[in-house]
Every structure is written in structure tokens, then in C-alpha cells.
Amino acid sequence: MKFEYIPKIRAQESFGYIDFPDKFYRFIDEFNIVGVRWLQPTTISASNFLRVLQEGSSAKARGYGRGNNKENDELSIQMQDFYQPLLDHGALWKVKNDNVICTAMLYGDRESITDGFYRMVNMFHYPKTMKMEFLDDKYRFRINGDHMIAIYCDSSQENFNPNCSDRKLGIMR
């Protein structure tokens, strides 16, 4: 999967999705982010989303969906049902060690967001290693949404600390 380069300064001029540059660069620096795919994962398949989170940026898209030769891993509507409850203002982020995390900035309360996450996990039979955590407001670089979340795969099964700054996530290994 290809990711866009993140400039060291004035990223808001390149992307337009950034309302608070100081919070954006805090997120980029503290999570060791080196690339981004905006507006994801709502246009990729559910299996590709899992594969990218598990395998990182080197994960390869696979063929076409069942019974639909117009839909494939890189162009799919499977995740659309989760846009509003879970993936609104979403992005996939490439970490320096080639792992990938997903963030979203959502409207709603924590309970409805958590319910949306578990509904997605159950619908697509995702493993227990898929995690969702609410991030601290110090990382919310957009005015959109009530909460910022991170979705990631944590094979170590360690607990995530939403106030972490760097190597606390399982993705930082």
C-alpha cells in the first residue's frame, strides 16, 4: 500500500485536513508516523483492512470479491456501513517501523463508538488482536468529531494507554 509523504512543516497546506498543526505534528512525532492515506479505510475491503493492520504497509491487496468483478481489495464498499459510527474522518498511518494504524475523529458518545467497533469486529470475524482505543485530545488535529480513536492490531495483547506518546502501542515494537 502506498502512503503519502508528510512534510516536516506546513502539512496543512499540503493536505487541508489539518486545523491544529501543533496537535498534528505532536501526533506525527509521538507516534513515529511517516506516511498517510487519507479517507481510509472506507474504500478498501474488510479483509484488506485487517491485513494492512496485521502486516503493515507491505501488505498486498488481493484479487476480486466474490461474485463482483468490479470490487476488489483496493476498491470496495464493505466498510461503508461503518463510516459514520466508526470511521468518520479516518486515515491510515504508516509508522516508521512499517506498521499501520487507523485513526478516526467521530461524533457520538464513547458507548456508541465502542458498539460500532464491536459490531465491525463481529461482522468481519476480526481476531481479538484488533483493538480500538480513545486517544487523548492533545492529538485531535481536526475540529471534526467528539473523539479521536485509534484502531490497530496488537499481537502482544498488551493494554494500550490512550495517553501514551510513543512506544506504548503494540505497533511500536
Foldseek 3Di string as FASTA:
>chain_A
DDFAFQDPPDSCVVPVQFQAVQLQVLQCVLAQFGGKDWPDDQFFAPVLVLQCQVVAPVRDWDAADPPDNVHGRRGDRNCVVLQQLEAPRKMWTQHPVRHIKMKHAYADDPVSNVVSVVVSCVVVVPDPQWDKDWADPSNPRHPDHDTMMMIHGQPVPDDADNDGRYDRGSVRD
